């Protein structure tokens, strides 16, 4: 929904025809209709808690009207209503917050969402919220601001790509800043941009003495970014003043937060899982292929 990627629009002739076809196939025992699915891909462009909650409500309501129509003809048919782009799946945690912890706009959206969820329960449907990139999160999710800042911050981004600094180029960057060549490019980081800043990844404080976690989001944070990218390599650029530029060294390993963890993660056969520090506590093989 919202991006014209796939599916049909609720309460249209195309939607009615599709449901009729699926029910006919179910009657012939060649398939089984388990439920309805909606994905608000355009929710990635939201920038507030209220917006993310509104998109989640729209996901639910698009399925609610469709389910109501189907159940009017087949009242005993069980249905699972499945929703959740990652920003909307993330936003449901706002329902656990108190009124004093949210803005008036967010609180109103919470009330509207609760009403829609209750309406779904009233017609006897089950609810499923699927995760997407929710288990790892990434810079794109950080910029949706789907949760309060204390619940959605840099520390919550679980996936990083380790890269080695191969070369340094003093004074080559903007305002005489340094640029650095790293051994991670499109194949390692992906090539999806992020609406909040011009870059392909942000360098974390890991393995950089004296450097602390960013205190601002990608829109304003000062630090090293993957400012340019090609297939095999990325170019780190400094987006602050030369006088506050943080030192890098050839051969140094850095960890990069990618814009989109789904795309970045697909380039690797396994993930090294660390718990807190640098100790590897598990190795997760990745399922490959489509």
C-alpha atoms as a PDB file:
ATOM      1  CA  UNK A   1       0.000   0.000   0.000  1.00  0.00           C
ATOM      2  CA  UNK A   2       1.152   3.558  -0.712  1.00  0.00           C
ATOM      3  CA  UNK A   3       3.957   2.613  -3.090  1.00  0.00           C
ATOM      4  CA  UNK A   4       2.150   0.637  -5.828  1.00  0.00           C
ATOM      5  CA  UNK A   5       4.569  -2.255  -5.420  1.00  0.00           C
ATOM      6  CA  UNK A   6       2.110  -5.151  -5.401  1.00  0.00           C
ATOM      7  CA  UNK A   7      -1.390  -6.192  -4.445  1.00  0.00           C
ATOM      8  CA  UNK A   8      -4.751  -4.503  -4.976  1.00  0.00           C
ATOM      9  CA  UNK A   9      -6.502  -1.499  -3.456  1.00  0.00           C
ATOM     10  CA  UNK A  10      -9.243  -2.296  -0.892  1.00  0.00           C
ATOM     11  CA  UNK A  11     -12.848  -1.696  -1.889  1.00  0.00           C
ATOM     12  CA  UNK A  12     -12.117  -1.807  -5.611  1.00  0.00           C
ATOM     13  CA  UNK A  13     -13.349  -4.150  -8.332  1.00  0.00           C
ATOM     14  CA  UNK A  14      -9.859  -5.639  -8.618  1.00  0.00           C
ATOM     15  CA  UNK A  15      -9.865  -6.459  -4.908  1.00  0.00           C
ATOM     16  CA  UNK A  16     -13.319  -8.071  -5.079  1.00  0.00           C
ATOM     17  CA  UNK A  17     -12.368 -10.136  -8.134  1.00  0.00           C
ATOM     18  CA  UNK A  18      -9.173 -11.347  -6.465  1.00  0.00           C
ATOM     19  CA  UNK A  19     -11.007 -12.425  -3.303  1.00  0.00           C
ATOM     20  CA  UNK A  20     -13.625 -14.241  -5.365  1.00  0.00           C
ATOM     21  CA  UNK A  21     -10.901 -16.080  -7.283  1.00  0.00           C
ATOM     22  CA  UNK A  22      -9.072 -17.103  -4.099  1.00  0.00           C
ATOM     23  CA  UNK A  23     -12.287 -18.299  -2.441  1.00  0.00           C
ATOM     24  CA  UNK A  24     -13.145 -20.335  -5.541  1.00  0.00           C
ATOM     25  CA  UNK A  25      -9.722 -21.962  -5.408  1.00  0.00           C
ATOM     26  CA  UNK A  26     -10.237 -22.655  -1.710  1.00  0.00           C
ATOM     27  CA  UNK A  27     -13.615 -24.267  -2.448  1.00  0.00           C
ATOM     28  CA  UNK A  28     -11.881 -26.595  -4.906  1.00  0.00           C
ATOM     29  CA  UNK A  29      -9.387 -27.566  -2.155  1.00  0.00           C
ATOM     30  CA  UNK A  30      -6.458 -26.346  -4.261  1.00  0.00           C
ATOM     31  CA  UNK A  31      -5.511 -23.560  -1.865  1.00  0.00           C
ATOM     32  CA  UNK A  32      -6.329 -22.158   1.572  1.00  0.00           C
ATOM     33  CA  UNK A  33      -6.913 -18.522   2.421  1.00  0.00           C
ATOM     34  CA  UNK A  34      -5.168 -17.819   5.735  1.00  0.00           C
ATOM     35  CA  UNK A  35      -5.513 -14.061   5.814  1.00  0.00           C
ATOM     36  CA  UNK A  36      -4.755 -10.663   4.318  1.00  0.00           C
ATOM     37  CA  UNK A  37      -1.488  -8.751   4.125  1.00  0.00           C
ATOM     38  CA  UNK A  38      -0.530  -5.067   3.888  1.00  0.00           C
ATOM     39  CA  UNK A  39       2.873  -3.378   3.831  1.00  0.00           C
ATOM     40  CA  UNK A  40       3.250   0.412   4.128  1.00  0.00           C
ATOM     41  CA  UNK A  41       6.588   0.733   2.349  1.00  0.00           C
ATOM     42  CA  UNK A  42       6.170   4.509   2.163  1.00  0.00           C
ATOM     43  CA  UNK A  43       6.374   4.645   5.972  1.00  0.00           C
ATOM     44  CA  UNK A  44      10.175   4.774   5.563  1.00  0.00           C
ATOM     45  CA  UNK A  45       9.749   8.429   4.625  1.00  0.00           C
ATOM     46  CA  UNK A  46       8.066   9.362   7.898  1.00  0.00           C
ATOM     47  CA  UNK A  47       9.927  11.397  10.498  1.00  0.00           C
ATOM     48  CA  UNK A  48       7.777  11.324  13.655  1.00  0.00           C
ATOM     49  CA  UNK A  49       6.168   8.867  16.073  1.00  0.00           C
ATOM     50  CA  UNK A  50       2.710  10.120  15.124  1.00  0.00           C
ATOM     51  CA  UNK A  51       3.367   9.565  11.415  1.00  0.00           C
ATOM     52  CA  UNK A  52       4.579   5.988  11.964  1.00  0.00           C
ATOM     53  CA  UNK A  53       1.514   5.223  14.119  1.00  0.00           C
ATOM     54  CA  UNK A  54      -0.779   6.699  11.483  1.00  0.00           C
ATOM     55  CA  UNK A  55       0.768   4.489   8.789  1.00  0.00           C
ATOM     56  CA  UNK A  56       0.292   1.436  11.039  1.00  0.00           C
ATOM     57  CA  UNK A  57      -3.354   2.343  11.558  1.00  0.00           C
ATOM     58  CA  UNK A  58      -3.773   2.712   7.795  1.00  0.00           C
ATOM     59  CA  UNK A  59      -2.259  -0.756   7.284  1.00  0.00           C
ATOM     60  CA  UNK A  60      -4.748  -2.240   9.731  1.00  0.00           C
ATOM     61  CA  UNK A  61      -7.723  -0.303   8.372  1.00  0.00           C
ATOM     62  CA  UNK A  62      -7.017  -1.313   4.777  1.00  0.00           C
ATOM     63  CA  UNK A  63      -7.246  -4.939   5.885  1.00  0.00           C
ATOM     64  CA  UNK A  64     -10.172  -4.320   8.233  1.00  0.00           C
ATOM     65  CA  UNK A  65     -12.460  -3.041   5.468  1.00  0.00           C
ATOM     66  CA  UNK A  66     -11.421  -5.914   3.198  1.00  0.00           C
ATOM     67  CA  UNK A  67     -11.902  -8.521   5.918  1.00  0.00           C
ATOM     68  CA  UNK A  68     -15.311  -7.070   6.832  1.00  0.00           C
ATOM     69  CA  UNK A  69     -16.440  -7.417   3.218  1.00  0.00           C
ATOM     70  CA  UNK A  70     -15.197 -10.998   3.002  1.00  0.00           C
ATOM     71  CA  UNK A  71     -16.725 -12.000   6.314  1.00  0.00           C
ATOM     72  CA  UNK A  72     -20.099 -10.579   5.350  1.00  0.00           C
ATOM     73  CA  UNK A  73     -20.273 -13.320   2.723  1.00  0.00           C
ATOM     74  CA  UNK A  74     -18.382 -15.990   4.683  1.00  0.00           C
ATOM     75  CA  UNK A  75     -18.871 -15.116   8.373  1.00  0.00           C
ATOM     76  CA  UNK A  76     -17.206 -18.234   9.753  1.00  0.00           C
ATOM     77  CA  UNK A  77     -13.995 -17.917   7.735  1.00  0.00           C
ATOM     78  CA  UNK A  78     -10.991 -17.345  10.088  1.00  0.00           C
ATOM     79  CA  UNK A  79      -8.564 -14.642   8.963  1.00  0.00           C
ATOM     80  CA  UNK A  80      -5.161 -13.412  10.065  1.00  0.00           C
ATOM     81  CA  UNK A  81      -4.539  -9.738   9.286  1.00  0.00           C
ATOM     82  CA  UNK A  82      -0.783  -9.326   8.815  1.00  0.00           C
ATOM     83  CA  UNK A  83       0.873  -5.903   8.665  1.00  0.00           C
ATOM     84  CA  UNK A  84       4.147  -4.188   9.368  1.00  0.00           C
ATOM     85  CA  UNK A  85       6.789  -2.297   7.493  1.00  0.00           C
ATOM     86  CA  UNK A  86       9.624  -1.886  10.001  1.00  0.00           C
ATOM     87  CA  UNK A  87       8.756   1.745  10.924  1.00  0.00           C
ATOM     88  CA  UNK A  88       5.146   0.741  11.627  1.00  0.00           C
ATOM     89  CA  UNK A  89       6.118  -2.460  13.450  1.00  0.00           C
ATOM     90  CA  UNK A  90       8.500  -0.375  15.559  1.00  0.00           C
ATOM     91  CA  UNK A  91       5.891   2.269  16.298  1.00  0.00           C
ATOM     92  CA  UNK A  92       3.489  -0.083  18.082  1.00  0.00           C
ATOM     93  CA  UNK A  93       5.747   0.109  21.125  1.00  0.00           C
ATOM     94  CA  UNK A  94       4.368   3.629  21.609  1.00  0.00           C
ATOM     95  CA  UNK A  95       1.185   1.997  22.919  1.00  0.00           C
ATOM     96  CA  UNK A  96       3.133   0.990  26.031  1.00  0.00           C
ATOM     97  CA  UNK A  97       4.038   4.595  26.852  1.00  0.00           C
ATOM     98  CA  UNK A  98       2.026   6.826  29.166  1.00  0.00           C
ATOM     99  CA  UNK A  99       0.374  10.043  28.076  1.00  0.00           C
ATOM    100  CA  UNK A 100       3.083  12.076  29.847  1.00  0.00           C
ATOM    101  CA  UNK A 101       5.794  10.340  27.804  1.00  0.00           C
ATOM    102  CA  UNK A 102       4.389  11.345  24.410  1.00  0.00           C
ATOM    103  CA  UNK A 103       3.246  14.423  22.523  1.00  0.00           C
ATOM    104  CA  UNK A 104      -0.457  15.234  22.154  1.00  0.00           C
ATOM    105  CA  UNK A 105      -0.295  14.284  18.481  1.00  0.00           C
ATOM    106  CA  UNK A 106       1.297  10.909  19.267  1.00  0.00           C
ATOM    107  CA  UNK A 107      -1.205  10.213  22.048  1.00  0.00           C
ATOM    108  CA  UNK A 108      -4.114  10.905  19.674  1.00  0.00           C
ATOM    109  CA  UNK A 109      -2.655   8.489  17.136  1.00  0.00           C
ATOM    110  CA  UNK A 110      -2.281   5.862  19.875  1.00  0.00           C
ATOM    111  CA  UNK A 111      -5.986   6.201  20.696  1.00  0.00           C
ATOM    112  CA  UNK A 112      -6.936   5.907  17.015  1.00  0.00           C
ATOM    113  CA  UNK A 113      -4.765   2.810  16.601  1.00  0.00           C
ATOM    114  CA  UNK A 114      -6.247   1.144  19.697  1.00  0.00           C
ATOM    115  CA  UNK A 115      -9.735   1.721  18.302  1.00  0.00           C
ATOM    116  CA  UNK A 116      -8.802   0.090  14.989  1.00  0.00           C
ATOM    117  CA  UNK A 117      -7.225  -2.897  16.746  1.00  0.00           C
ATOM    118  CA  UNK A 118     -10.370  -3.331  18.831  1.00  0.00           C
ATOM    119  CA  UNK A 119     -12.523  -3.203  15.680  1.00  0.00           C
ATOM    120  CA  UNK A 120     -10.415  -6.008  14.189  1.00  0.00           C
ATOM    121  CA  UNK A 121     -10.893  -8.093  17.315  1.00  0.00           C
ATOM    122  CA  UNK A 122     -14.624  -7.387  17.280  1.00  0.00           C
ATOM    123  CA  UNK A 123     -15.015  -9.076  13.883  1.00  0.00           C
ATOM    124  CA  UNK A 124     -13.031 -12.093  15.105  1.00  0.00           C
ATOM    125  CA  UNK A 125      -9.797 -11.662  13.145  1.00  0.00           C
ATOM    126  CA  UNK A 126      -6.314 -12.398  14.447  1.00  0.00           C
ATOM    127  CA  UNK A 127      -3.502  -9.856  14.223  1.00  0.00           C
ATOM    128  CA  UNK A 128       0.074 -10.442  13.085  1.00  0.00           C
ATOM    129  CA  UNK A 129       2.791  -7.791  13.022  1.00  0.00           C
ATOM    130  CA  UNK A 130       5.795  -9.006  11.058  1.00  0.00           C
ATOM    131  CA  UNK A 131       9.291  -7.846  11.784  1.00  0.00           C
ATOM    132  CA  UNK A 132      11.131  -6.862   8.593  1.00  0.00           C
ATOM    133  CA  UNK A 133      14.514  -5.425   9.588  1.00  0.00           C
ATOM    134  CA  UNK A 134      13.255  -4.839  13.136  1.00  0.00           C
ATOM    135  CA  UNK A 135      15.706  -7.365  14.742  1.00  0.00           C
ATOM    136  CA  UNK A 136      18.767  -5.378  13.618  1.00  0.00           C
ATOM    137  CA  UNK A 137      17.484  -1.917  12.632  1.00  0.00           C
ATOM    138  CA  UNK A 138      19.644   0.438  10.559  1.00  0.00           C
ATOM    139  CA  UNK A 139      20.209   4.117   9.772  1.00  0.00           C
ATOM    140  CA  UNK A 140      17.027   4.331   7.690  1.00  0.00           C
ATOM    141  CA  UNK A 141      15.007   3.196  10.696  1.00  0.00           C
ATOM    142  CA  UNK A 142      16.782   5.664  12.979  1.00  0.00           C
ATOM    143  CA  UNK A 143      15.655   8.519  10.750  1.00  0.00           C
ATOM    144  CA  UNK A 144      11.967   7.564  10.916  1.00  0.00           C
ATOM    145  CA  UNK A 145      11.903   8.597  14.617  1.00  0.00           C
ATOM    146  CA  UNK A 146       9.103   6.045  15.089  1.00  0.00           C
ATOM    147  CA  UNK A 147       9.883   5.893  18.822  1.00  0.00           C
ATOM    148  CA  UNK A 148      11.130   8.430  21.389  1.00  0.00           C
ATOM    149  CA  UNK A 149      14.851   9.135  21.150  1.00  0.00           C
ATOM    150  CA  UNK A 150      15.622   7.147  24.298  1.00  0.00           C
ATOM    151  CA  UNK A 151      14.078   4.024  22.723  1.00  0.00           C
ATOM    152  CA  UNK A 152      15.463   4.338  19.190  1.00  0.00           C
ATOM    153  CA  UNK A 153      19.088   5.462  18.995  1.00  0.00           C
ATOM    154  CA  UNK A 154      22.505   4.484  17.632  1.00  0.00           C
ATOM    155  CA  UNK A 155      22.975   1.854  20.348  1.00  0.00           C
ATOM    156  CA  UNK A 156      19.973  -0.020  18.978  1.00  0.00           C
ATOM    157  CA  UNK A 157      21.553  -0.603  15.556  1.00  0.00           C
ATOM    158  CA  UNK A 158      22.805  -4.183  15.712  1.00  0.00           C
ATOM    159  CA  UNK A 159      24.374  -4.696  12.278  1.00  0.00           C
ATOM    160  CA  UNK A 160      27.722  -3.157  11.338  1.00  0.00           C
ATOM    161  CA  UNK A 161      30.229  -3.940   8.584  1.00  0.00           C
ATOM    162  CA  UNK A 162      33.926  -4.153   9.505  1.00  0.00           C
ATOM    163  CA  UNK A 163      36.219  -2.509   6.942  1.00  0.00           C
ATOM    164  CA  UNK A 164      39.929  -1.713   6.796  1.00  0.00           C
ATOM    165  CA  UNK A 165      41.323   1.710   5.980  1.00  0.00           C
ATOM    166  CA  UNK A 166      43.563   1.208   2.946  1.00  0.00           C
ATOM    167  CA  UNK A 167      44.694   4.772   2.205  1.00  0.00           C
ATOM    168  CA  UNK A 168      44.501   8.305   3.592  1.00  0.00           C
ATOM    169  CA  UNK A 169      44.311  11.451   1.476  1.00  0.00           C
ATOM    170  CA  UNK A 170      45.032  14.550   3.604  1.00  0.00           C
ATOM    171  CA  UNK A 171      43.473  17.843   2.462  1.00  0.00           C
ATOM    172  CA  UNK A 172      41.566  16.192  -0.416  1.00  0.00           C
ATOM    173  CA  UNK A 173      38.141  16.598   1.174  1.00  0.00           C
ATOM    174  CA  UNK A 174      35.878  19.592   1.617  1.00  0.00           C
ATOM    175  CA  UNK A 175      37.510  22.540   3.391  1.00  0.00           C
ATOM    176  CA  UNK A 176      40.865  20.750   3.420  1.00  0.00           C
ATOM    177  CA  UNK A 177      39.668  17.738   5.394  1.00  0.00           C
ATOM    178  CA  UNK A 178      41.029  14.229   4.966  1.00  0.00           C
ATOM    179  CA  UNK A 179      39.457  11.468   2.906  1.00  0.00           C
ATOM    180  CA  UNK A 180      40.059   7.756   3.466  1.00  0.00           C
ATOM    181  CA  UNK A 181      39.706   4.702   1.233  1.00  0.00           C
ATOM    182  CA  UNK A 182      38.096   1.660   2.897  1.00  0.00           C
ATOM    183  CA  UNK A 183      37.764  -1.891   1.633  1.00  0.00           C
ATOM    184  CA  UNK A 184      33.959  -1.869   1.646  1.00  0.00           C
ATOM    185  CA  UNK A 185      31.895  -0.590  -1.241  1.00  0.00           C
ATOM    186  CA  UNK A 186      28.588  -1.326  -2.899  1.00  0.00           C
ATOM    187  CA  UNK A 187      28.992  -5.098  -2.541  1.00  0.00           C
ATOM    188  CA  UNK A 188      29.451  -4.778   1.234  1.00  0.00           C
ATOM    189  CA  UNK A 189      27.239  -1.816   2.130  1.00  0.00           C
ATOM    190  CA  UNK A 190      24.571  -1.726  -0.552  1.00  0.00           C
ATOM    191  CA  UNK A 191      23.689   1.363  -2.539  1.00  0.00           C
ATOM    192  CA  UNK A 192      20.434   2.518  -0.987  1.00  0.00           C
ATOM    193  CA  UNK A 193      20.492   6.182   0.007  1.00  0.00           C
ATOM    194  CA  UNK A 194      19.002   7.586   3.197  1.00  0.00           C
ATOM    195  CA  UNK A 195      16.687  10.593   3.175  1.00  0.00           C
ATOM    196  CA  UNK A 196      18.363  12.156   6.220  1.00  0.00           C
ATOM    197  CA  UNK A 197      21.933  12.646   4.969  1.00  0.00           C
ATOM    198  CA  UNK A 198      24.100  12.316   1.875  1.00  0.00           C
ATOM    199  CA  UNK A 199      26.096   9.147   2.400  1.00  0.00           C
ATOM    200  CA  UNK A 200      26.120   5.367   2.270  1.00  0.00           C
ATOM    201  CA  UNK A 201      27.024   4.582   5.868  1.00  0.00           C
ATOM    202  CA  UNK A 202      28.274   6.120   9.126  1.00  0.00           C
ATOM    203  CA  UNK A 203      31.451   5.060  10.957  1.00  0.00           C
ATOM    204  CA  UNK A 204      30.826   3.941  14.542  1.00  0.00           C
ATOM    205  CA  UNK A 205      33.138   4.790  17.503  1.00  0.00           C
ATOM    206  CA  UNK A 206      34.371   1.165  17.700  1.00  0.00           C
ATOM    207  CA  UNK A 207      38.189   0.818  17.731  1.00  0.00           C
ATOM    208  CA  UNK A 208      38.638   4.603  17.778  1.00  0.00           C
ATOM    209  CA  UNK A 209      40.147   5.788  21.059  1.00  0.00           C
ATOM    210  CA  UNK A 210      38.435   8.769  22.651  1.00  0.00           C
ATOM    211  CA  UNK A 211      35.504   8.771  20.210  1.00  0.00           C
ATOM    212  CA  UNK A 212      32.029   8.536  21.741  1.00  0.00           C
ATOM    213  CA  UNK A 213      28.644   7.515  20.361  1.00  0.00           C
ATOM    214  CA  UNK A 214      26.905  10.239  18.336  1.00  0.00           C
ATOM    215  CA  UNK A 215      24.587  12.417  20.385  1.00  0.00           C
ATOM    216  CA  UNK A 216      22.528  13.485  17.365  1.00  0.00           C
ATOM    217  CA  UNK A 217      20.787  11.641  14.561  1.00  0.00           C
ATOM    218  CA  UNK A 218      22.243  11.179  11.061  1.00  0.00           C
ATOM    219  CA  UNK A 219      20.701  14.491  10.013  1.00  0.00           C
ATOM    220  CA  UNK A 220      23.104  16.514  12.190  1.00  0.00           C
ATOM    221  CA  UNK A 221      25.752  14.185  13.637  1.00  0.00           C
ATOM    222  CA  UNK A 222      29.364  15.208  12.983  1.00  0.00           C
ATOM    223  CA  UNK A 223      31.772  12.419  12.076  1.00  0.00           C
ATOM    224  CA  UNK A 224      33.103  10.107   9.367  1.00  0.00           C
ATOM    225  CA  UNK A 225      30.670   8.974   6.692  1.00  0.00           C
ATOM    226  CA  UNK A 226      30.925   6.844   3.602  1.00  0.00           C
ATOM    227  CA  UNK A 227      30.550   9.862   1.362  1.00  0.00           C
ATOM    228  CA  UNK A 228      31.244   8.163  -1.975  1.00  0.00           C
ATOM    229  CA  UNK A 229      31.069   4.549  -3.029  1.00  0.00           C
ATOM    230  CA  UNK A 230      31.968   2.175  -5.841  1.00  0.00           C
ATOM    231  CA  UNK A 231      31.840  -1.584  -6.242  1.00  0.00           C
ATOM    232  CA  UNK A 232      34.804  -2.600  -4.084  1.00  0.00           C
ATOM    233  CA  UNK A 233      35.648   0.515  -2.049  1.00  0.00           C
ATOM    234  CA  UNK A 234      34.101   3.384  -0.166  1.00  0.00           C
ATOM    235  CA  UNK A 235      35.490   6.842   0.481  1.00  0.00           C
ATOM    236  CA  UNK A 236      35.185   8.155   4.022  1.00  0.00           C
ATOM    237  CA  UNK A 237      34.539  11.877   4.213  1.00  0.00           C
ATOM    238  CA  UNK A 238      34.468  14.156   7.272  1.00  0.00           C
ATOM    239  CA  UNK A 239      31.306  16.234   7.558  1.00  0.00           C
ATOM    240  CA  UNK A 240      32.555  18.580  10.297  1.00  0.00           C
ATOM    241  CA  UNK A 241      35.175  21.305  10.461  1.00  0.00           C
ATOM    242  CA  UNK A 242      38.842  20.448   9.880  1.00  0.00           C
ATOM    243  CA  UNK A 243      39.716  21.626  13.379  1.00  0.00           C
ATOM    244  CA  UNK A 244      37.635  18.823  14.967  1.00  0.00           C
ATOM    245  CA  UNK A 245      38.515  16.069  12.492  1.00  0.00           C
ATOM    246  CA  UNK A 246      39.018  12.674  14.186  1.00  0.00           C
ATOM    247  CA  UNK A 247      42.233  10.835  13.387  1.00  0.00           C
ATOM    248  CA  UNK A 248      42.291   7.663  11.289  1.00  0.00           C
ATOM    249  CA  UNK A 249      45.229   5.389  10.434  1.00  0.00           C
ATOM    250  CA  UNK A 250      46.071   3.163   7.493  1.00  0.00           C
ATOM    251  CA  UNK A 251      45.402  -0.465   8.434  1.00  0.00           C
ATOM    252  CA  UNK A 252      42.899   0.508  11.131  1.00  0.00           C
ATOM    253  CA  UNK A 253      39.646  -1.478  11.261  1.00  0.00           C
ATOM    254  CA  UNK A 254      36.417   0.457  11.537  1.00  0.00           C
ATOM    255  CA  UNK A 255      32.778  -0.607  11.829  1.00  0.00           C
ATOM    256  CA  UNK A 256      30.240   1.039   9.535  1.00  0.00           C
ATOM    257  CA  UNK A 257      26.509   1.331  10.160  1.00  0.00           C
ATOM    258  CA  UNK A 258      24.855   0.751   6.761  1.00  0.00           C
ATOM    259  CA  UNK A 259      21.826   2.662   5.556  1.00  0.00           C
ATOM    260  CA  UNK A 260      19.827  -0.513   4.955  1.00  0.00           C
ATOM    261  CA  UNK A 261      20.723  -3.650   6.893  1.00  0.00           C
ATOM    262  CA  UNK A 262      18.714  -5.966   4.614  1.00  0.00           C
ATOM    263  CA  UNK A 263      20.758  -5.102   1.552  1.00  0.00           C
ATOM    264  CA  UNK A 264      24.092  -4.890   3.378  1.00  0.00           C
ATOM    265  CA  UNK A 265      23.578  -8.179   5.203  1.00  0.00           C
ATOM    266  CA  UNK A 266      22.816 -10.067   1.993  1.00  0.00           C
ATOM    267  CA  UNK A 267      26.450  -9.739   0.913  1.00  0.00           C
ATOM    268  CA  UNK A 268      27.746 -12.008   3.680  1.00  0.00           C
ATOM    269  CA  UNK A 269      27.491 -15.732   4.362  1.00  0.00           C
ATOM    270  CA  UNK A 270      27.445 -15.430   8.141  1.00  0.00           C
ATOM    271  CA  UNK A 271      27.172 -12.897  10.972  1.00  0.00           C
ATOM    272  CA  UNK A 272      29.582 -12.693  13.909  1.00  0.00           C
ATOM    273  CA  UNK A 273      27.494 -12.045  17.016  1.00  0.00           C
ATOM    274  CA  UNK A 274      29.116 -10.015  19.807  1.00  0.00           C
ATOM    275  CA  UNK A 275      27.639  -9.252  23.207  1.00  0.00           C
ATOM    276  CA  UNK A 276      28.694  -5.874  24.537  1.00  0.00           C
ATOM    277  CA  UNK A 277      32.436  -5.858  23.822  1.00  0.00           C
ATOM    278  CA  UNK A 278      34.513  -7.548  21.122  1.00  0.00           C
ATOM    279  CA  UNK A 279      34.020 -11.150  22.173  1.00  0.00           C
ATOM    280  CA  UNK A 280      32.320 -13.266  19.512  1.00  0.00           C
ATOM    281  CA  UNK A 281      29.655 -15.293  21.305  1.00  0.00           C
ATOM    282  CA  UNK A 282      27.963 -16.917  18.311  1.00  0.00           C
ATOM    283  CA  UNK A 283      28.083 -17.272  14.534  1.00  0.00           C
ATOM    284  CA  UNK A 284      24.851 -17.108  12.550  1.00  0.00           C
ATOM    285  CA  UNK A 285      24.952 -18.661   9.049  1.00  0.00           C
ATOM    286  CA  UNK A 286      22.769 -16.736   6.632  1.00  0.00           C
ATOM    287  CA  UNK A 287      20.140 -18.349   4.440  1.00  0.00           C
ATOM    288  CA  UNK A 288      21.234 -17.570   0.874  1.00  0.00           C
ATOM    289  CA  UNK A 289      19.247 -17.237  -2.317  1.00  0.00           C
ATOM    290  CA  UNK A 290      15.620 -16.419  -3.074  1.00  0.00           C
END
